[in-house]
């Protein structure tokens, strides 16, 4: 059985369009995108709202999740790093995990067949 991986990227929101274009260029056609907030090494920032200083502990981020089986995972990582890596705290993280089972709800197909449309 072929390996099916889930790649999750959490990064700066302003990088999304550039990342989406880079992933499309390497053959990634589907993804789930969620606006999230979180803290890590960055630990927040100070901002001023109407002259009042406030500490923001949760930073706005974007989470992109995709299932990868046709495109090598390392290709996805390399393309993502090329776009996202600035060397600054807050660039984000890439998580890769193996998916044990994928089932298409509409047809009941499993594995790779569940990820493609038979009508293509």
N, C-alpha and C. Protein backbone atom coordinates (compact mmCIF):
# COMPACT_ATOMS: atom_id res chain seq x y z
N UNK A 1 0.84 -1.19 0.00
CA UNK A 1 0.00 0.00 0.00
C UNK A 1 0.88 1.25 0.00
N UNK A 2 0.49 2.23 -0.77
CA UNK A 2 1.23 3.48 -0.85
C UNK A 2 1.03 4.32 0.40
N UNK A 3 2.04 5.07 0.77
CA UNK A 3 1.96 5.92 1.95
C UNK A 3 1.13 7.16 1.65
N UNK A 4 0.23 7.45 2.56
CA UNK A 4 -0.57 8.67 2.48
C UNK A 4 -0.19 9.49 3.70
N UNK A 5 0.28 10.72 3.47
CA UNK A 5 0.74 11.57 4.56
C UNK A 5 -0.15 12.79 4.69
N UNK A 6 -0.21 13.30 5.91
CA UNK A 6 -0.89 14.56 6.17
C UNK A 6 0.19 15.57 6.51
N UNK A 7 0.20 16.68 5.80
CA UNK A 7 1.14 17.77 6.06
C UNK A 7 0.34 18.94 6.61
N UNK A 8 0.74 19.41 7.78
CA UNK A 8 0.10 20.55 8.42
C UNK A 8 1.14 21.65 8.56
N UNK A 9 0.80 22.83 8.07
CA UNK A 9 1.70 23.98 8.14
C UNK A 9 1.00 25.07 8.94
N UNK A 10 1.67 25.58 9.96
CA UNK A 10 1.16 26.72 10.73
C UNK A 10 2.16 27.85 10.53
N UNK A 11 1.69 28.97 10.00
CA UNK A 11 2.59 30.06 9.65
C UNK A 11 1.87 31.40 9.68
N UNK A 12 2.57 32.43 9.26
CA UNK A 12 2.00 33.78 9.19
C UNK A 12 0.89 33.86 8.15
N UNK A 13 -0.18 34.56 8.48
CA UNK A 13 -1.32 34.67 7.56
C UNK A 13 -0.94 35.36 6.26
N UNK A 14 -0.08 36.36 6.33
CA UNK A 14 0.24 37.13 5.12
C UNK A 14 1.02 36.33 4.08
N UNK A 15 1.50 35.15 4.44
CA UNK A 15 2.26 34.32 3.50
C UNK A 15 1.38 33.33 2.73
N UNK A 16 0.08 33.31 3.04
CA UNK A 16 -0.76 32.25 2.49
C UNK A 16 -0.84 32.25 0.97
N UNK A 17 -1.12 33.37 0.35
CA UNK A 17 -1.29 33.38 -1.11
C UNK A 17 -0.03 32.91 -1.83
N UNK A 18 1.12 33.37 -1.38
CA UNK A 18 2.38 32.96 -1.99
C UNK A 18 2.61 31.45 -1.78
N UNK A 19 2.29 30.95 -0.59
CA UNK A 19 2.43 29.52 -0.31
C UNK A 19 1.47 28.70 -1.17
N UNK A 20 0.23 29.15 -1.27
CA UNK A 20 -0.76 28.44 -2.09
C UNK A 20 -0.30 28.34 -3.54
N UNK A 21 0.25 29.43 -4.07
CA UNK A 21 0.75 29.41 -5.45
C UNK A 21 1.91 28.43 -5.61
N UNK A 22 2.81 28.39 -4.64
CA UNK A 22 3.96 27.47 -4.69
C UNK A 22 3.49 26.01 -4.61
N UNK A 23 2.50 25.74 -3.77
CA UNK A 23 1.99 24.37 -3.64
C UNK A 23 1.24 23.94 -4.90
N UNK A 24 0.48 24.85 -5.47
CA UNK A 24 -0.23 24.55 -6.72
C UNK A 24 0.77 24.23 -7.83
N UNK A 25 1.88 24.95 -7.86
CA UNK A 25 2.91 24.74 -8.89
C UNK A 25 3.54 23.36 -8.82
N UNK A 26 3.55 22.73 -7.63
CA UNK A 26 4.13 21.39 -7.52
C UNK A 26 3.08 20.29 -7.56
N UNK A 27 1.80 20.66 -7.76
CA UNK A 27 0.76 19.65 -7.94
C UNK A 27 -0.15 19.43 -6.76
N UNK A 28 -0.08 20.25 -5.73
CA UNK A 28 -1.00 20.13 -4.60
C UNK A 28 -2.28 20.87 -4.99
N UNK A 29 -3.38 20.13 -5.09
CA UNK A 29 -4.62 20.73 -5.58
C UNK A 29 -5.68 20.90 -4.49
N UNK A 30 -5.51 20.27 -3.36
CA UNK A 30 -6.51 20.38 -2.30
C UNK A 30 -5.87 20.68 -0.97
N UNK A 31 -6.54 21.52 -0.20
CA UNK A 31 -6.05 21.84 1.14
C UNK A 31 -7.20 22.36 1.97
N UNK A 32 -7.05 22.28 3.26
CA UNK A 32 -7.99 22.87 4.20
C UNK A 32 -7.27 23.97 4.93
N UNK A 33 -7.89 25.15 5.01
CA UNK A 33 -7.24 26.32 5.60
C UNK A 33 -8.09 26.82 6.76
N UNK A 34 -7.43 27.07 7.89
CA UNK A 34 -8.10 27.55 9.09
C UNK A 34 -7.33 28.73 9.65
N UNK A 35 -8.05 29.77 10.03
CA UNK A 35 -7.42 30.89 10.73
C UNK A 35 -7.34 30.50 12.20
N UNK A 36 -6.14 30.58 12.76
CA UNK A 36 -5.92 30.15 14.14
C UNK A 36 -5.13 31.22 14.90
N UNK A 37 -5.06 31.05 16.20
CA UNK A 37 -4.20 31.88 17.05
C UNK A 37 -3.40 30.94 17.92
N UNK A 38 -2.17 31.33 18.22
CA UNK A 38 -1.36 30.47 19.05
C UNK A 38 -0.12 31.17 19.55
N UNK A 39 0.60 30.46 20.40
CA UNK A 39 1.86 30.99 20.89
C UNK A 39 2.88 29.87 20.91
N UNK A 40 4.09 30.26 20.69
CA UNK A 40 5.20 29.32 20.71
C UNK A 40 6.41 30.07 21.23
N UNK A 41 7.51 29.97 20.54
CA UNK A 41 8.72 30.68 20.93
C UNK A 41 8.49 32.19 20.88
N UNK A 42 7.65 32.63 19.97
CA UNK A 42 7.39 34.05 19.77
C UNK A 42 6.78 34.70 21.02
N UNK A 43 5.95 33.99 21.75
CA UNK A 43 5.36 34.41 23.02
C UNK A 43 4.60 35.71 22.98
N UNK A 44 4.13 36.14 21.85
CA UNK A 44 3.30 37.33 21.78
C UNK A 44 4.07 38.59 21.47
N UNK A 45 3.35 39.71 21.56
CA UNK A 45 3.93 41.00 21.21
C UNK A 45 3.18 42.10 21.97
N UNK A 46 3.70 43.30 21.92
CA UNK A 46 3.05 44.46 22.51
C UNK A 46 2.45 45.29 21.38
N UNK A 47 1.22 45.72 21.53
CA UNK A 47 0.63 46.61 20.56
C UNK A 47 -0.12 47.71 21.30
N UNK A 48 -0.40 48.77 20.58
CA UNK A 48 -1.12 49.89 21.16
C UNK A 48 -2.45 50.04 20.46
N UNK A 49 -3.51 50.10 21.25
CA UNK A 49 -4.85 50.29 20.72
C UNK A 49 -5.43 51.54 21.37
N UNK A 50 -5.65 52.57 20.54
CA UNK A 50 -6.14 53.87 21.01
C UNK A 50 -5.28 54.42 22.14
N UNK A 51 -3.99 54.25 21.97
CA UNK A 51 -3.03 54.79 22.92
C UNK A 51 -2.82 53.96 24.17
N UNK A 52 -3.52 52.84 24.27
CA UNK A 52 -3.38 51.98 25.45
C UNK A 52 -2.52 50.77 25.08
N UNK A 53 -1.50 50.55 25.87
CA UNK A 53 -0.58 49.44 25.64
C UNK A 53 -1.25 48.13 26.07
N UNK A 54 -1.20 47.12 25.19
CA UNK A 54 -1.72 45.81 25.56
C UNK A 54 -0.79 44.72 25.06
N UNK A 55 -0.70 43.66 25.83
CA UNK A 55 0.14 42.53 25.46
C UNK A 55 -0.73 41.49 24.76
N UNK A 56 -0.31 41.11 23.56
CA UNK A 56 -1.02 40.09 22.78
C UNK A 56 -0.23 38.79 22.94
N UNK A 57 -0.83 37.82 23.63
CA UNK A 57 -0.12 36.57 23.89
C UNK A 57 -0.37 35.51 22.82
N UNK A 58 -1.50 35.61 22.14
CA UNK A 58 -1.80 34.68 21.07
C UNK A 58 -1.68 35.42 19.75
N UNK A 59 -0.80 34.93 18.90
CA UNK A 59 -0.54 35.57 17.61
C UNK A 59 -1.45 34.99 16.53
N UNK A 60 -1.95 35.83 15.62
CA UNK A 60 -2.76 35.31 14.51
C UNK A 60 -1.88 34.51 13.55
N UNK A 61 -2.34 33.33 13.20
CA UNK A 61 -1.62 32.45 12.28
C UNK A 61 -2.62 31.82 11.33
N UNK A 62 -2.12 31.06 10.39
CA UNK A 62 -2.97 30.30 9.48
C UNK A 62 -2.49 28.85 9.51
N UNK A 63 -3.44 27.92 9.49
CA UNK A 63 -3.10 26.49 9.47
C UNK A 63 -3.58 25.91 8.16
N UNK A 64 -2.66 25.32 7.42
CA UNK A 64 -2.95 24.70 6.13
C UNK A 64 -2.72 23.20 6.29
N UNK A 65 -3.75 22.41 5.98
CA UNK A 65 -3.63 20.96 6.07
C UNK A 65 -3.87 20.36 4.70
N UNK A 66 -3.05 19.39 4.33
CA UNK A 66 -3.22 18.72 3.05
C UNK A 66 -2.84 17.25 3.16
N UNK A 67 -3.50 16.44 2.37
CA UNK A 67 -3.17 15.02 2.28
C UNK A 67 -2.30 14.85 1.04
N UNK A 68 -1.17 14.18 1.22
CA UNK A 68 -0.18 14.06 0.15
C UNK A 68 0.07 12.58 -0.13
N UNK A 69 -0.08 12.19 -1.41
CA UNK A 69 0.28 10.83 -1.79
C UNK A 69 0.95 10.79 -3.16
N UNK A 70 0.61 11.71 -4.04
CA UNK A 70 1.20 11.74 -5.38
C UNK A 70 2.50 12.53 -5.40
N UNK A 71 2.52 13.65 -4.71
CA UNK A 71 3.69 14.52 -4.66
C UNK A 71 4.54 14.08 -3.46
N UNK A 72 5.84 13.91 -3.62
CA UNK A 72 6.68 13.52 -2.48
C UNK A 72 6.60 14.56 -1.36
N UNK A 73 6.50 14.09 -0.13
CA UNK A 73 6.40 14.98 1.03
C UNK A 73 7.58 15.95 1.08
N UNK A 74 8.77 15.48 0.76
CA UNK A 74 9.94 16.37 0.81
C UNK A 74 9.81 17.52 -0.18
N UNK A 75 9.17 17.27 -1.31
CA UNK A 75 8.92 18.34 -2.29
C UNK A 75 8.00 19.40 -1.70
N UNK A 76 6.98 18.96 -0.97
CA UNK A 76 6.06 19.89 -0.29
C UNK A 76 6.82 20.70 0.75
N UNK A 77 7.65 20.04 1.53
CA UNK A 77 8.43 20.74 2.56
C UNK A 77 9.38 21.75 1.92
N UNK A 78 10.09 21.34 0.89
CA UNK A 78 11.05 22.24 0.23
C UNK A 78 10.37 23.47 -0.35
N UNK A 79 9.23 23.27 -1.04
CA UNK A 79 8.50 24.39 -1.62
C UNK A 79 7.98 25.33 -0.53
N UNK A 80 7.52 24.75 0.57
CA UNK A 80 7.00 25.55 1.68
C UNK A 80 8.11 26.36 2.34
N UNK A 81 9.25 25.72 2.59
CA UNK A 81 10.37 26.44 3.21
C UNK A 81 10.86 27.59 2.34
N UNK A 82 10.89 27.36 1.04
CA UNK A 82 11.35 28.40 0.11
C UNK A 82 10.50 29.67 0.25
N UNK A 83 9.20 29.50 0.47
CA UNK A 83 8.29 30.64 0.60
C UNK A 83 8.28 31.20 2.02
N UNK A 84 8.27 30.33 3.01
CA UNK A 84 7.98 30.74 4.38
C UNK A 84 9.20 31.11 5.23
N UNK A 85 10.35 30.59 4.90
CA UNK A 85 11.51 30.75 5.76
C UNK A 85 12.13 32.14 5.64
N UNK A 86 11.99 32.94 6.72
CA UNK A 86 12.60 34.27 6.76
C UNK A 86 13.76 34.33 7.74
N UNK A 87 13.85 33.33 8.62
CA UNK A 87 14.88 33.33 9.64
C UNK A 87 14.45 34.06 10.91
N UNK A 88 13.24 34.56 10.92
CA UNK A 88 12.72 35.29 12.08
C UNK A 88 11.84 34.37 12.92
N UNK A 89 11.76 34.66 14.22
CA UNK A 89 10.84 33.95 15.09
C UNK A 89 9.43 34.20 14.57
N UNK A 90 8.63 33.15 14.52
CA UNK A 90 7.25 33.28 14.03
C UNK A 90 7.04 32.75 12.63
N UNK A 91 8.11 32.23 12.00
CA UNK A 91 7.96 31.65 10.66
C UNK A 91 6.97 30.48 10.67
N UNK A 92 6.92 29.74 11.76
CA UNK A 92 5.95 28.65 11.89
C UNK A 92 6.58 27.28 11.95
N UNK A 93 5.73 26.27 11.76
CA UNK A 93 6.15 24.87 11.84
C UNK A 93 5.47 24.08 10.72
N UNK A 94 6.11 22.97 10.34
CA UNK A 94 5.53 22.00 9.41
C UNK A 94 5.50 20.67 10.14
N UNK A 95 4.32 20.06 10.18
CA UNK A 95 4.14 18.75 10.82
C UNK A 95 3.77 17.74 9.74
N UNK A 96 4.37 16.56 9.81
CA UNK A 96 4.07 15.49 8.85
C UNK A 96 3.69 14.25 9.64
N UNK A 97 2.56 13.66 9.27
CA UNK A 97 2.13 12.42 9.92
C UNK A 97 1.59 11.47 8.86
N UNK A 98 1.60 10.19 9.18
CA UNK A 98 1.09 9.19 8.25
C UNK A 98 -0.39 8.97 8.54
N UNK A 99 -1.18 8.93 7.49
CA UNK A 99 -2.61 8.65 7.63
C UNK A 99 -2.82 7.16 7.44
N UNK A 100 -3.46 6.53 8.37
CA UNK A 100 -3.65 5.09 8.32
C UNK A 100 -4.79 4.68 7.40
N UNK A 101 -5.79 5.54 7.30
CA UNK A 101 -6.95 5.17 6.50
C UNK A 101 -7.67 6.42 6.00
N UNK A 102 -8.05 6.42 4.74
CA UNK A 102 -8.82 7.51 4.14
C UNK A 102 -10.02 6.88 3.46
N UNK A 103 -11.22 7.39 3.77
CA UNK A 103 -12.45 6.87 3.20
C UNK A 103 -13.23 8.02 2.59
N UNK A 104 -13.61 7.88 1.31
CA UNK A 104 -14.45 8.89 0.66
C UNK A 104 -15.90 8.61 1.06
N UNK A 105 -16.53 9.57 1.68
CA UNK A 105 -17.88 9.38 2.20
C UNK A 105 -18.87 9.09 1.09
N UNK A 106 -18.80 9.81 -0.02
CA UNK A 106 -19.78 9.67 -1.11
C UNK A 106 -19.81 8.26 -1.69
N UNK A 107 -18.64 7.63 -1.87
CA UNK A 107 -18.58 6.34 -2.57
C UNK A 107 -18.14 5.17 -1.69
N UNK A 108 -17.52 5.48 -0.55
CA UNK A 108 -16.99 4.42 0.29
C UNK A 108 -15.61 3.95 -0.14
N UNK A 109 -15.06 4.55 -1.21
CA UNK A 109 -13.72 4.17 -1.67
C UNK A 109 -12.69 4.49 -0.58
N UNK A 110 -11.61 3.69 -0.57
CA UNK A 110 -10.58 3.88 0.44
C UNK A 110 -9.21 4.05 -0.20
N UNK A 111 -8.28 4.56 0.60
CA UNK A 111 -6.90 4.75 0.17
C UNK A 111 -6.78 5.82 -0.90
N UNK A 112 -5.88 5.60 -1.83
CA UNK A 112 -5.63 6.55 -2.92
C UNK A 112 -6.90 6.84 -3.73
N UNK A 113 -7.72 5.83 -3.93
CA UNK A 113 -8.95 5.99 -4.71
C UNK A 113 -9.89 7.01 -4.05
N UNK A 114 -9.82 7.14 -2.75
CA UNK A 114 -10.66 8.10 -2.03
C UNK A 114 -10.22 9.54 -2.25
N UNK A 115 -9.01 9.72 -2.75
CA UNK A 115 -8.45 11.07 -2.90
C UNK A 115 -8.62 11.64 -4.28
N UNK A 116 -9.00 10.82 -5.25
CA UNK A 116 -9.17 11.31 -6.62
C UNK A 116 -10.62 11.12 -7.04
N UNK A 117 -11.02 11.92 -8.00
CA UNK A 117 -12.37 11.80 -8.53
C UNK A 117 -12.35 10.84 -9.70
N UNK A 118 -13.14 9.80 -9.66
CA UNK A 118 -13.17 8.78 -10.71
C UNK A 118 -13.65 9.34 -12.04
N UNK A 119 -14.34 10.47 -12.01
CA UNK A 119 -14.87 11.09 -13.23
C UNK A 119 -13.82 11.88 -13.98
N UNK A 120 -12.62 12.03 -13.43
CA UNK A 120 -11.56 12.81 -14.10
C UNK A 120 -11.04 12.09 -15.31
